[in-house]
Protein backbone atom coordinates (compact mmCIF):
# COMPACT_ATOMS: atom_id res chain seq x y z
CA MET A 1 65.51 71.01 -43.38
CA GLU A 2 61.56 71.52 -44.23
CA ARG A 3 60.66 68.27 -44.16
CA PHE A 4 62.44 67.41 -40.86
CA SER A 5 60.20 70.52 -39.48
CA ASN A 6 57.17 69.37 -40.88
CA LEU A 7 57.84 65.81 -39.29
CA LEU A 8 58.49 67.80 -36.13
CA LEU A 9 55.44 69.68 -36.07
CA CYS A 10 53.33 66.34 -36.70
CA ILE A 11 55.07 64.98 -33.36
CA VAL A 12 54.24 67.91 -31.25
CA CYS A 13 50.68 68.15 -32.98
CA ILE A 14 50.08 64.22 -32.04
CA MET A 15 51.26 64.85 -28.52
CA LEU A 16 49.00 67.74 -27.77
CA LEU A 17 46.21 65.13 -29.09
CA GLU A 18 47.31 62.59 -26.46
CA MET A 19 47.66 65.04 -23.58
CA PRO A 20 44.02 65.27 -22.61
CA ILE A 21 42.86 61.93 -23.31
CA ARG A 22 45.46 60.84 -21.15
CA THR A 23 44.28 63.28 -18.34
CA VAL A 24 40.12 61.67 -19.50
CA ALA A 25 41.38 58.35 -18.57
CA GLN A 26 42.82 59.02 -14.93
CA GLU A 27 39.59 61.28 -13.90
CA CYS A 28 37.53 59.17 -15.22
CA SER A 29 35.05 57.40 -12.85
CA ILE A 30 34.35 53.31 -12.23
CA VAL A 31 31.08 52.31 -11.10
CA THR A 32 32.03 49.39 -8.56
CA GLY A 33 27.83 48.57 -7.66
CA VAL A 34 25.02 50.01 -7.10
CA ARG A 35 22.57 49.63 -4.06
CA ILE A 36 18.58 50.33 -3.80
CA SER A 37 16.34 50.50 -0.51
CA ASP A 38 13.14 51.92 0.39
CA HIS A 39 11.98 53.91 3.53
CA ASN A 40 8.79 55.28 4.63
CA GLY A 41 8.12 56.52 0.95
CA THR A 42 11.86 57.46 0.22
CA THR A 43 13.65 55.42 -2.33
CA ARG A 44 17.37 55.63 -2.19
CA PHE A 45 19.73 55.31 -5.08
CA VAL A 46 23.53 54.29 -4.09
CA MET A 47 26.21 54.44 -6.46
CA ASP A 48 29.67 53.16 -5.58
CA LEU A 49 32.66 54.73 -7.29
CA SER A 50 36.29 54.84 -7.84
CA SER A 51 36.39 58.06 -7.73
CA ALA A 52 35.35 61.70 -7.22
CA THR A 53 33.11 62.59 -10.12
CA THR A 54 30.71 65.57 -10.90
CA PHE A 55 27.31 65.42 -11.95
CA ASN A 56 24.41 67.16 -13.71
CA ILE A 57 20.22 66.80 -13.55
CA ILE A 58 18.99 67.39 -16.62
CA LYS A 59 15.70 69.02 -17.21
CA GLN A 60 12.84 67.28 -19.30
CA ASN A 61 9.58 66.78 -19.44
CA ASN A 62 8.67 63.11 -18.40
CA PRO A 63 7.94 63.12 -15.09
CA LEU A 64 8.56 59.68 -14.14
CA HIS A 65 12.01 60.15 -15.11
CA VAL A 66 15.35 61.76 -13.43
CA ILE A 67 18.22 62.09 -15.98
CA ILE A 68 21.72 62.84 -14.53
CA GLU A 69 24.68 63.07 -16.75
CA PHE A 70 28.46 61.97 -15.42
CA PRO A 71 32.10 63.00 -17.15
CA ASN A 72 33.60 60.51 -18.06
CA LEU A 73 31.83 57.86 -16.46
CA ASN A 74 32.88 53.91 -16.41
CA TRP A 75 29.63 51.74 -16.06
CA PRO A 76 31.25 48.14 -16.70
CA THR A 77 28.86 45.67 -18.01
CA ASN A 78 28.86 43.30 -15.04
CA ILE A 79 26.67 45.50 -12.61
CA ASN A 80 23.44 44.18 -11.42
CA LYS A 81 20.63 44.86 -13.60
CA LEU A 82 16.94 45.74 -11.45
CA GLN A 83 15.26 42.30 -11.49
CA ARG A 84 11.80 44.03 -9.41
CA PRO A 85 10.88 47.66 -8.63
CA ILE A 86 11.83 48.71 -5.31
CA GLY A 87 10.15 51.24 -3.26
CA ILE A 88 8.90 53.90 -6.78
CA LEU A 89 11.97 53.05 -8.91
CA ARG A 90 10.78 50.45 -11.90
CA ASP A 91 14.06 50.21 -13.91
CA TYR A 92 17.42 52.35 -14.59
CA TYR A 93 19.33 52.42 -17.73
CA HIS A 94 22.34 53.91 -18.76
CA LYS A 95 23.91 55.20 -21.92
CA SER A 96 26.98 56.41 -23.32
CA LEU A 97 27.27 60.16 -25.18
CA GLN A 98 30.03 61.69 -26.92
CA LEU A 99 33.60 61.86 -24.80
CA GLY A 100 32.70 59.78 -22.78
CA THR A 101 29.56 61.48 -21.03
CA LYS A 102 27.26 58.91 -19.19
CA ARG A 103 23.39 59.75 -18.91
CA LEU A 104 21.92 57.46 -16.47
CA THR A 105 18.07 56.95 -16.29
CA LEU A 106 15.99 56.25 -13.28
CA LYS A 107 12.11 55.14 -14.49
CA ALA A 108 9.78 55.49 -11.85
CA ILE A 109 6.63 54.10 -11.26
CA CYS A 110 5.00 57.68 -10.54
CA PRO A 111 6.09 61.18 -11.10
CA VAL A 112 8.89 61.92 -9.02
CA SER A 113 11.38 64.14 -8.14
CA VAL A 114 15.45 64.23 -6.52
CA LYS A 115 14.48 65.26 -2.60
CA LYS A 116 18.54 64.62 -2.38
CA ILE A 117 21.81 64.35 -4.23
CA PHE A 118 25.42 64.29 -2.56
CA LEU A 119 28.73 62.70 -3.42
CA LEU A 120 29.64 60.98 0.40
CA SER A 121 33.74 60.62 0.35
CA PRO A 122 35.09 57.09 1.31
CA ASN A 123 35.45 55.66 4.82
CA ILE A 124 37.25 52.37 5.85
CA TRP A 125 35.02 50.09 4.66
CA THR A 126 33.67 52.02 0.94
CA ASN A 127 34.92 54.33 -2.02
CA TYR A 128 33.34 57.76 -3.46
CA ARG A 129 28.83 56.87 -2.99
CA LEU A 130 26.77 59.10 -4.89
CA VAL A 131 23.04 58.71 -3.50
CA ILE A 132 20.17 60.17 -5.13
CA ASP A 133 17.09 59.85 -2.73
CA LEU A 134 13.89 60.19 -4.80
CA LYS A 135 10.31 60.83 -3.35
CA PRO A 136 6.75 60.63 -5.51
CA VAL A 137 4.82 63.88 -6.05
CA GLY A 138 1.79 65.89 -5.96
CA SER A 139 -1.31 63.41 -5.26
CA PHE A 140 0.68 60.24 -5.90
CA GLN A 141 2.83 60.88 -2.88
CA SER A 142 0.06 59.79 -0.68
CA LYS A 143 -1.41 56.60 -2.58
CA SER A 144 2.30 55.64 -3.20
CA LEU A 145 2.44 55.88 0.89
CA ASN A 146 -0.74 53.87 1.18
CA HIS A 147 -0.27 51.66 -1.46
CA LYS A 148 3.51 50.13 0.41
CA ASN A 149 1.66 49.67 3.78
CA THR A 150 -1.10 47.60 2.84
CA ASP A 151 0.62 45.58 0.00
CA PHE A 152 4.49 45.74 -0.14
CA LYS A 153 4.44 45.65 4.20
CA LYS A 154 5.05 41.23 4.15
CA PRO A 155 7.54 40.91 6.70
CA ILE A 156 11.19 40.02 5.19
CA VAL A 157 13.78 37.98 6.51
CA VAL A 158 16.86 37.55 4.72
CA ILE A 159 18.78 34.35 4.85
CA ASP A 160 22.50 34.23 4.66
CA PRO A 161 24.35 30.95 3.83
CA GLY A 162 28.27 30.98 5.39
CA HIS A 163 31.19 30.65 2.95
CA GLY A 164 31.18 29.92 -0.77
CA GLY A 165 32.64 29.47 -3.64
CA ILE A 166 36.83 29.41 -2.78
CA ASP A 167 35.27 29.64 1.07
CA PRO A 168 34.54 26.05 1.70
CA GLY A 169 34.09 26.93 5.34
CA ALA A 170 34.29 23.85 8.49
CA ILE A 171 35.52 20.91 6.79
CA SER A 172 34.58 17.31 8.69
CA ILE A 173 36.93 14.65 8.95
CA SER A 174 34.98 12.64 5.92
CA GLY A 175 35.43 16.07 3.74
CA VAL A 176 32.00 17.48 4.21
CA ASN A 177 32.11 21.60 3.29
CA GLU A 178 29.83 23.59 5.44
CA LYS A 179 29.04 25.68 2.96
CA ASN A 180 27.09 22.85 0.85
CA ILE A 181 25.31 22.11 4.14
CA VAL A 182 24.18 25.63 5.21
CA LEU A 183 23.02 26.43 1.28
CA SER A 184 21.08 23.21 1.36
CA LEU A 185 19.52 24.19 4.71
CA ALA A 186 18.77 27.88 3.45
CA HIS A 187 17.14 26.72 -0.08
CA ILE A 188 14.96 24.43 2.24
CA ILE A 189 13.90 27.28 5.06
CA LYS A 190 12.89 29.56 1.91
CA ALA A 191 10.65 26.81 -0.01
CA HIS A 192 9.21 26.45 3.21
CA LEU A 193 8.14 30.37 3.83
CA ASP A 194 7.51 30.53 0.45
CA LYS A 195 4.44 27.85 0.67
CA SER A 196 2.84 29.70 3.16
CA GLY A 197 3.21 32.58 1.73
CA LEU A 198 3.75 34.46 5.29
CA VAL A 199 6.74 36.23 5.18
CA LYS A 200 9.52 36.89 2.36
CA CYS A 201 12.70 35.30 2.44
CA VAL A 202 15.37 36.83 0.18
CA LEU A 203 18.80 34.62 -0.01
CA THR A 204 22.31 36.29 0.38
CA ARG A 205 23.59 33.50 -1.77
CA ASP A 206 21.67 30.92 -4.20
CA ARG A 207 24.36 29.10 -5.55
CA ASP A 208 28.55 28.24 -4.50
CA VAL A 209 30.05 32.19 -4.77
CA PHE A 210 31.90 33.48 -2.63
CA ILE A 211 30.58 37.17 -0.76
CA PRO A 212 32.70 38.99 1.44
CA LEU A 213 31.17 39.71 5.12
CA ARG A 214 30.43 43.39 4.09
CA LYS A 215 28.47 42.99 1.15
CA ARG A 216 26.13 40.20 2.83
CA ILE A 217 25.08 43.41 5.02
CA GLU A 218 24.24 45.26 1.88
CA ILE A 219 22.31 42.84 0.45
CA GLY A 220 20.23 42.60 4.12
CA ARG A 221 20.15 46.35 3.69
CA GLU A 222 19.12 46.59 -0.28
CA ALA A 223 16.19 43.84 0.84
CA ASN A 224 15.00 46.41 3.39
CA ALA A 225 15.25 43.29 5.94
CA ASP A 226 13.46 42.73 8.86
CA LEU A 227 15.23 40.12 10.36
CA PHE A 228 18.62 38.44 9.35
CA ILE A 229 19.95 35.14 9.72
CA SER A 230 23.40 34.05 9.11
CA LEU A 231 23.67 29.81 8.94
CA HIS A 232 26.67 27.85 9.77
CA VAL A 233 28.44 24.68 11.15
CA ASP A 234 31.10 24.65 13.13
CA THR A 235 34.29 22.18 13.90
CA VAL A 236 36.11 22.09 17.63
CA ALA A 237 38.88 19.88 19.01
CA ASN A 238 36.68 18.01 21.05
CA PRO A 239 34.85 15.36 19.00
CA LYS A 240 31.76 15.08 21.62
CA ILE A 241 30.54 18.55 21.35
CA ARG A 242 27.40 18.58 19.32
CA GLY A 243 24.28 20.60 19.09
CA LEU A 244 22.46 23.86 17.84
CA SER A 245 23.53 27.34 19.26
CA VAL A 246 22.65 30.55 18.49
CA TYR A 247 24.57 33.98 18.92
CA THR A 248 23.42 37.74 18.82
CA LEU A 249 25.71 40.70 19.21
CA SER A 250 27.18 40.64 23.00
CA GLN A 251 26.60 44.13 25.06
CA LYS A 252 30.67 44.76 24.51
CA ALA A 253 30.59 44.60 20.90
CA SER A 254 28.01 46.21 20.56
CA ASP A 255 28.76 49.54 22.77
CA LYS A 256 32.40 49.36 20.64
CA GLU A 257 30.77 49.08 17.22
CA THR A 258 27.74 51.67 18.57
CA GLN A 259 31.36 53.74 19.06
CA HIS A 260 32.57 52.84 15.86
CA LEU A 261 29.47 54.25 14.03
CA ALA A 262 28.79 57.30 16.10
CA ASP A 263 32.74 58.21 14.73
CA LYS A 264 32.33 57.69 11.10
CA GLU A 265 33.14 60.59 9.00
CA ASN A 266 30.24 60.19 6.74
CA LYS A 267 27.11 59.25 8.82
CA SER A 268 23.82 59.17 6.37
CA ASP A 269 23.71 55.37 5.59
CA ILE A 270 24.77 53.95 9.15
CA VAL A 271 21.06 54.06 9.94
CA SER A 272 18.65 53.40 6.94
CA GLY A 273 15.94 56.33 6.48
CA ILE A 274 17.67 58.59 9.15
CA ASP A 275 20.76 60.74 8.22
CA LEU A 276 23.06 61.83 10.76
CA SER A 277 25.34 63.57 8.83
CA ASN A 278 24.49 66.63 10.02
CA GLU A 279 24.07 66.07 13.89
CA SER A 280 26.36 66.24 16.70
CA SER A 281 28.28 63.51 18.25
CA GLU A 282 26.18 63.39 21.01
CA VAL A 283 23.19 63.39 19.55
CA THR A 284 24.57 60.65 16.52
CA ASN A 285 25.39 58.42 19.67
CA VAL A 286 22.10 58.63 21.44
CA LEU A 287 20.27 57.73 17.78
CA ILE A 288 22.93 54.55 16.97
CA ASP A 289 22.29 53.04 20.85
CA LEU A 290 18.70 53.10 21.38
CA ILE A 291 18.42 51.82 17.64
CA GLN A 292 20.91 49.04 18.03
CA ARG A 293 19.69 48.50 21.66
CA GLU A 294 16.02 48.02 20.19
CA SER A 295 17.83 45.24 18.02
CA LEU A 296 19.35 43.30 20.53
CA ASN A 297 16.34 43.01 22.14
CA LEU A 298 14.26 41.76 19.10
CA SER A 299 17.05 39.31 18.20
CA SER A 300 16.74 37.91 21.74
CA ILE A 301 13.19 37.47 21.00
CA PHE A 302 14.15 35.66 17.85
CA ALA A 303 16.93 33.24 19.80
CA HIS A 304 14.47 32.03 22.33
CA GLN A 305 11.59 31.20 19.97
CA LEU A 306 14.14 29.81 18.00
CA ILE A 307 15.67 27.26 20.86
CA LYS A 308 12.19 26.48 21.30
CA GLU A 309 10.91 25.72 17.86
CA VAL A 310 14.21 23.66 17.36
CA SER A 311 14.25 21.84 20.96
CA ASN A 312 10.70 20.21 19.79
CA GLU A 313 11.61 19.22 16.53
CA THR A 314 15.25 17.81 16.69
CA HIS A 315 15.79 18.03 20.95
CA GLN A 316 19.44 18.78 19.53
CA LEU A 317 20.92 22.06 21.17
CA LEU A 318 24.03 22.67 22.77
CA GLN A 319 24.41 23.50 26.55
CA ASN A 320 23.67 27.59 26.85
CA THR A 321 22.25 27.58 23.47
CA HIS A 322 21.96 30.98 23.43
CA ARG A 323 25.30 32.91 23.29
CA PHE A 324 26.68 36.35 22.65
CA ALA A 325 29.44 37.32 20.29
CA GLY A 326 30.92 40.46 17.86
CA PHE A 327 30.61 38.69 14.64
CA ALA A 328 30.71 41.02 11.99
CA VAL A 329 27.11 40.29 10.29
CA LEU A 330 25.56 40.95 13.74
CA LYS A 331 26.33 44.77 13.75
CA THR A 332 24.02 46.19 11.09
CA PRO A 333 22.30 48.41 14.12
CA ASP A 334 18.87 48.66 12.58
CA ILE A 335 18.59 45.01 11.54
CA PRO A 336 17.52 42.24 14.33
CA SER A 337 20.47 39.72 13.31
CA VAL A 338 21.29 36.79 14.38
CA LEU A 339 24.03 33.75 13.80
CA ILE A 340 22.79 29.85 14.16
CA GLU A 341 25.45 27.21 14.82
CA THR A 342 23.13 24.40 13.30
CA GLY A 343 25.60 21.71 14.63
CA TYR A 344 29.25 20.15 14.74
CA LEU A 345 31.03 18.66 11.77
CA SER A 346 33.57 17.40 14.58
CA ASN A 347 30.85 15.46 15.91
CA ALA A 348 30.54 12.10 14.07
CA ASP A 349 26.84 11.50 14.82
CA GLU A 350 26.24 15.09 14.15
CA GLU A 351 28.20 15.10 10.91
CA GLN A 352 25.61 11.92 9.82
CA MET A 353 22.50 13.93 11.09
CA LEU A 354 23.63 17.25 9.18
CA ILE A 355 24.51 15.17 5.57
CA ARG A 356 20.85 13.91 5.90
CA LYS A 357 18.17 16.05 3.80
CA GLU A 358 15.46 14.53 6.09
CA TYR A 359 17.56 16.24 9.26
CA ARG A 360 17.70 19.61 7.57
CA VAL A 361 13.92 19.89 6.14
CA LYS A 362 13.79 19.12 10.38
CA LEU A 363 16.15 21.91 10.78
CA ALA A 364 14.12 23.92 8.23
CA ILE A 365 10.28 23.66 9.74
CA ALA A 366 11.78 24.13 12.84
CA MET A 367 13.28 27.92 11.97
CA LYS A 368 10.69 28.36 9.56
CA ARG A 369 8.18 27.98 12.43
CA ALA A 370 10.45 30.59 14.65
CA ILE A 371 10.11 33.04 11.63
CA GLU A 372 6.88 32.96 11.11
CA HIS A 373 6.21 33.27 14.99
CA TYR A 374 8.78 35.94 16.11
CA PHE A 375 7.11 38.21 13.38
CA ALA A 376 3.75 37.70 14.68
CA GLN A 377 4.86 38.63 17.73
CA THR A 378 6.70 41.67 17.08
CA LYS A 379 4.94 43.27 14.12
CA ASN A 380 3.35 45.95 16.14
């Protein structure tokens, strides 16, 4: 009987020990992504989380570091590291402490303070997000802003080769995939822009991988894009249709998107650098509408310049070349955006042109000229 009592006591003790472990596992939040952007001297660090979490800023003597501790936070190894400084953030790293606690260190290029830190609830596109806004302090504040204005103000274009990976995009009768043509074209455009050095070029993908539409938009935001260009090739039932066309966001789609953005519960990251979370619905509607209309105007300016350059270089244009649609990649309110259908794989002659590198180089040169002329025209 005593042995049975001891055995029962051991089982109860084991059960009691396991209970908090299960509770911790259920409450553990997983980091699903990290995004960093810089606007007007404030660097924003955003962590995407699977669930809500608590956090504590740890006081320490190093003015270049911000240290934040999280209980029961899981940080997967596949989260991208910082390849280069963004804004005032030089690097970040995390360290595991006892009992699941995770310590995040943000390392700045100058003395730094936390301007704001807050947790955003999920919306239809994202999970929980922890937002950390960093700003330089003391005499470094004006120096940092001046340095940014003089050295880092080279305009940024983000080029988005459509589809990729498991998504081949349009496929011609002979088996040519859209994803390969636009990826090659994007690399050629970037090479020409890098050579002239007037514009910084970022690709949403530089290899054959699949990237969701909303992630492509996030890449544009993280790069602080001044212009977003999505590259595609089309197919239609009529084999006689051929020629390049360029799409900007239609006014109808723009109005619908503006209303959708204004109705979002969490409004701190709708427009880069502007926190609308505490504004009334009337103010939010007006601000988003003004910003999006400006982006639409700039998108149209680039579209017209692109048509001119392509016409001069290749003469391969679709009738009514500038068109309007509600593509998802065109809906970022604060980034001028265009979607270019570079031609039709359903047209035998155009298919042969598009698979030739010489023709893609001609297209790339026309687009490079359009991009540089656009930024020269709109820099003020």
